[in-house]
Protein backbone atom coordinates (compact mmCIF):
# COMPACT_ATOMS: atom_id res chain seq x y z
CA MET A 1 162.86 75.99 163.30
CA SER A 2 165.74 74.61 163.55
CA SER A 3 169.37 75.09 161.51
CA ASP A 4 172.84 73.83 161.09
CA ALA A 5 173.61 77.30 159.82
CA ILE A 6 172.50 80.72 159.24
CA ILE A 7 174.47 82.52 156.56
CA VAL A 8 174.18 86.33 156.61
CA GLY A 9 173.71 87.40 153.33
CA ALA A 10 172.80 85.82 149.73
CA GLY A 11 175.83 86.99 147.14
CA LEU A 12 177.49 84.63 145.99
CA ALA A 13 179.56 83.79 148.22
CA GLY A 14 176.60 82.72 150.80
CA LEU A 15 175.55 81.07 148.19
CA VAL A 16 178.74 78.73 147.86
CA ALA A 17 179.19 78.59 151.52
CA ALA A 18 175.27 77.26 151.91
CA ALA A 19 175.61 75.00 149.04
CA GLU A 20 178.34 73.41 150.53
CA LEU A 21 176.68 72.96 154.12
CA VAL A 22 173.57 71.39 152.71
CA ASP A 23 175.53 69.01 150.50
CA ALA A 24 177.34 68.53 153.94
CA GLY A 25 173.89 66.93 154.92
CA LYS A 26 173.33 70.15 156.49
CA HIS A 27 169.91 72.27 157.30
CA VAL A 28 170.77 76.14 156.30
CA THR A 29 169.34 79.70 156.79
CA ILE A 30 170.08 82.23 154.36
CA VAL A 31 168.38 85.64 155.18
CA ASP A 32 169.07 89.13 152.99
CA GLN A 33 167.90 92.28 152.91
CA GLU A 34 167.32 92.45 149.43
CA PRO A 35 164.48 89.59 147.51
CA GLU A 36 164.35 86.25 146.24
CA ALA A 37 164.59 87.87 143.19
CA THR A 38 168.06 88.93 143.11
CA PHE A 39 170.29 86.23 145.23
CA GLY A 40 173.52 86.36 144.47
CA GLY A 41 174.33 89.60 145.43
CA GLN A 42 176.97 91.74 142.56
CA ALA A 43 177.08 88.58 140.77
CA TRP A 44 173.62 89.72 140.36
CA TRP A 45 174.42 93.03 139.24
CA SER A 46 177.31 92.80 137.96
CA PHE A 47 175.89 89.58 134.95
CA GLY A 48 171.87 90.32 134.98
CA GLY A 49 171.46 87.66 136.87
CA LEU A 50 173.96 84.75 134.83
CA PHE A 51 176.98 83.77 136.36
CA LEU A 52 179.52 82.33 134.25
CA VAL A 53 182.67 80.83 134.86
CA ASP A 54 185.09 80.00 131.95
CA SER A 55 182.47 80.70 129.92
CA PRO A 56 183.20 82.58 126.57
């Protein structure tokens, strides 16, 4: 497997960084200690798995 970038941590910042890199055509690998079901880090725990920006 080959990656242009390896991101350690699947929290909100890691996921945003990965999304930006993928949008730029890069192949990204994300490594996190938590299971895939809880990707989002503290945002997942704080908001029950849902992160909403500018929402009521």
